[in-house]
Structures are given as C-alpha cells and as structure tokens.
Amino acid sequence: MKGARKASSAFGFAFLTLAFFLFLFYGNVAVGVAFLVLGVVFVVNGNAHRSQTGKAASK
C-alpha cells in the first residue's frame, strides 16, 4: 500500500509540473488546467490514503 500511495503522490506532482510547463511554454490554458486538475486529484488521493491508514494504525 505504501508504494501505491507514494506513486499516486508522485504522479500528482508530475502532472502539476507538466501543467506548469505547458502553461509556460505553450500558453495552452485548457490543457494546463486539465493536467493541473489531474495532478491535484492524484495528490489528494495519495494524501487521503495516507490519512486513512494513519487512523487505522492508531486504533
């Protein structure tokens, strides 16, 4: 599970970075926003898994 969480967060940050470069070099707002949203979803997904396992471990 830990690997999947890290991968999800890593994917998210990769998408956010990609979105930033798309904004910077192409000025393609639609594509940039799409990647930005995907990145946020992946990062939040990774963090959600982390908090769930933290709660389970504390019990």
N, C-alpha and C. Protein backbone atom coordinates (compact mmCIF):
# COMPACT_ATOMS: atom_id res chain seq x y z
N MET A 1 0.83 -1.22 0.00
CA MET A 1 0.00 0.00 0.00
C MET A 1 0.86 1.27 0.00
N LYS A 2 1.98 1.22 0.75
CA LYS A 2 2.82 2.42 0.82
C LYS A 2 3.32 2.82 -0.56
N GLY A 3 3.73 1.82 -1.36
CA GLY A 3 4.22 2.10 -2.70
C GLY A 3 3.16 2.77 -3.56
N ALA A 4 1.93 2.29 -3.46
CA ALA A 4 0.84 2.85 -4.26
C ALA A 4 0.57 4.31 -3.88
N ARG A 5 0.62 4.59 -2.56
CA ARG A 5 0.41 5.96 -2.10
C ARG A 5 1.49 6.89 -2.64
N LYS A 6 2.74 6.44 -2.51
CA LYS A 6 3.85 7.27 -2.98
C LYS A 6 3.75 7.48 -4.48
N ALA A 7 3.39 6.44 -5.21
CA ALA A 7 3.25 6.53 -6.66
C ALA A 7 2.15 7.53 -7.02
N SER A 8 1.04 7.49 -6.29
CA SER A 8 -0.07 8.40 -6.55
C SER A 8 0.35 9.85 -6.35
N SER A 9 1.05 10.11 -5.25
CA SER A 9 1.53 11.46 -4.98
C SER A 9 2.56 11.89 -6.01
N ALA A 10 3.44 10.97 -6.37
CA ALA A 10 4.47 11.28 -7.37
C ALA A 10 3.82 11.60 -8.71
N PHE A 11 2.82 10.81 -9.09
CA PHE A 11 2.07 11.08 -10.32
C PHE A 11 1.45 12.47 -10.26
N GLY A 12 0.86 12.78 -9.12
CA GLY A 12 0.22 14.08 -8.95
C GLY A 12 1.19 15.22 -9.14
N PHE A 13 2.36 15.12 -8.51
CA PHE A 13 3.35 16.19 -8.63
C PHE A 13 3.90 16.26 -10.05
N ALA A 14 4.02 15.09 -10.71
CA ALA A 14 4.47 15.08 -12.10
C ALA A 14 3.46 15.81 -12.99
N PHE A 15 2.17 15.54 -12.77
CA PHE A 15 1.13 16.22 -13.55
C PHE A 15 1.13 17.72 -13.29
N LEU A 16 1.32 18.12 -12.02
CA LEU A 16 1.36 19.54 -11.68
C LEU A 16 2.54 20.22 -12.37
N THR A 17 3.69 19.54 -12.36
CA THR A 17 4.89 20.08 -13.02
C THR A 17 4.65 20.19 -14.52
N LEU A 18 4.05 19.15 -15.10
CA LEU A 18 3.74 19.15 -16.52
C LEU A 18 2.79 20.30 -16.87
N ALA A 19 1.78 20.49 -16.03
CA ALA A 19 0.82 21.58 -16.24
C ALA A 19 1.54 22.93 -16.23
N PHE A 20 2.46 23.09 -15.29
CA PHE A 20 3.22 24.34 -15.17
C PHE A 20 4.02 24.61 -16.45
N PHE A 21 4.70 23.57 -16.95
CA PHE A 21 5.50 23.75 -18.17
C PHE A 21 4.62 24.00 -19.40
N LEU A 22 3.45 23.35 -19.44
CA LEU A 22 2.53 23.59 -20.56
C LEU A 22 2.06 25.04 -20.56
N PHE A 23 1.72 25.54 -19.37
CA PHE A 23 1.35 26.96 -19.24
C PHE A 23 2.49 27.85 -19.75
N LEU A 24 3.69 27.53 -19.27
CA LEU A 24 4.86 28.38 -19.51
C LEU A 24 5.23 28.41 -20.99
N PHE A 25 5.34 27.23 -21.60
CA PHE A 25 5.89 27.17 -22.96
C PHE A 25 4.84 27.29 -24.05
N TYR A 26 3.66 26.71 -23.82
CA TYR A 26 2.66 26.70 -24.88
C TYR A 26 1.55 27.71 -24.65
N GLY A 27 1.35 28.12 -23.41
CA GLY A 27 0.26 29.04 -23.11
C GLY A 27 -1.09 28.39 -23.36
N ASN A 28 -1.10 27.05 -23.35
CA ASN A 28 -2.34 26.32 -23.62
C ASN A 28 -3.09 26.13 -22.30
N VAL A 29 -4.00 27.06 -22.03
CA VAL A 29 -4.67 27.10 -20.74
C VAL A 29 -5.53 25.86 -20.51
N ALA A 30 -6.28 25.44 -21.53
CA ALA A 30 -7.19 24.30 -21.38
C ALA A 30 -6.42 23.03 -20.99
N VAL A 31 -5.34 22.75 -21.71
CA VAL A 31 -4.53 21.56 -21.43
C VAL A 31 -3.85 21.70 -20.06
N GLY A 32 -3.34 22.90 -19.78
CA GLY A 32 -2.70 23.16 -18.50
C GLY A 32 -3.64 22.92 -17.33
N VAL A 33 -4.87 23.43 -17.44
CA VAL A 33 -5.87 23.26 -16.38
C VAL A 33 -6.23 21.79 -16.23
N ALA A 34 -6.36 21.08 -17.34
CA ALA A 34 -6.69 19.65 -17.28
C ALA A 34 -5.62 18.89 -16.50
N PHE A 35 -4.35 19.15 -16.82
CA PHE A 35 -3.26 18.48 -16.12
C PHE A 35 -3.18 18.92 -14.65
N LEU A 36 -3.47 20.19 -14.41
CA LEU A 36 -3.48 20.73 -13.04
C LEU A 36 -4.51 19.99 -12.19
N VAL A 37 -5.71 19.81 -12.75
CA VAL A 37 -6.79 19.11 -12.04
C VAL A 37 -6.39 17.66 -11.79
N LEU A 38 -5.84 17.00 -12.82
CA LEU A 38 -5.39 15.61 -12.65
C LEU A 38 -4.34 15.51 -11.55
N GLY A 39 -3.39 16.45 -11.56
CA GLY A 39 -2.34 16.46 -10.55
C GLY A 39 -2.90 16.60 -9.15
N VAL A 40 -3.82 17.54 -8.98
CA VAL A 40 -4.45 17.77 -7.67
C VAL A 40 -5.19 16.51 -7.22
N VAL A 41 -5.91 15.89 -8.15
CA VAL A 41 -6.67 14.67 -7.82
C VAL A 41 -5.72 13.58 -7.33
N PHE A 42 -4.60 13.39 -8.04
CA PHE A 42 -3.64 12.35 -7.65
C PHE A 42 -3.02 12.65 -6.29
N VAL A 43 -2.65 13.90 -6.05
CA VAL A 43 -2.03 14.27 -4.77
C VAL A 43 -3.02 14.09 -3.62
N VAL A 44 -4.25 14.57 -3.83
CA VAL A 44 -5.29 14.44 -2.79
C VAL A 44 -5.58 12.97 -2.54
N ASN A 45 -5.64 12.18 -3.60
CA ASN A 45 -5.88 10.74 -3.48
C ASN A 45 -4.78 10.10 -2.64
N GLY A 46 -3.54 10.44 -2.90
CA GLY A 46 -2.42 9.90 -2.13
C GLY A 46 -2.50 10.31 -0.67
N ASN A 47 -2.85 11.57 -0.42
CA ASN A 47 -2.95 12.07 0.96
C ASN A 47 -4.13 11.44 1.69
N ALA A 48 -5.23 11.21 0.98
CA ALA A 48 -6.41 10.58 1.58
C ALA A 48 -6.06 9.17 2.04
N HIS A 49 -5.35 8.43 1.21
CA HIS A 49 -4.93 7.07 1.58
C HIS A 49 -4.03 7.11 2.81
N ARG A 50 -3.15 8.10 2.83
CA ARG A 50 -2.19 8.22 3.94
C ARG A 50 -2.95 8.46 5.26
N SER A 51 -3.94 9.36 5.24
CA SER A 51 -4.67 9.69 6.47
C SER A 51 -5.53 8.51 6.92
N GLN A 52 -6.08 7.75 5.98
CA GLN A 52 -6.89 6.58 6.33
C GLN A 52 -6.04 5.52 7.02
N THR A 53 -4.87 5.26 6.46
CA THR A 53 -4.00 4.23 7.05
C THR A 53 -3.48 4.70 8.40
N GLY A 54 -3.27 6.01 8.56
CA GLY A 54 -2.83 6.56 9.84
C GLY A 54 -3.87 6.33 10.92
N LYS A 55 -5.13 6.55 10.58
CA LYS A 55 -6.22 6.35 11.53
C LYS A 55 -6.33 4.86 11.89
N ALA A 56 -6.21 4.00 10.89
CA ALA A 56 -6.32 2.56 11.13
C ALA A 56 -5.17 2.09 12.02
N ALA A 57 -3.98 2.62 11.80
CA ALA A 57 -2.81 2.20 12.58
C ALA A 57 -2.93 2.66 14.03
N SER A 58 -3.51 3.85 14.26
CA SER A 58 -3.62 4.38 15.62
C SER A 58 -4.62 3.58 16.45
N LYS A 59 -5.60 2.96 15.80
CA LYS A 59 -6.57 2.11 16.52
C LYS A 59 -5.89 0.79 16.82
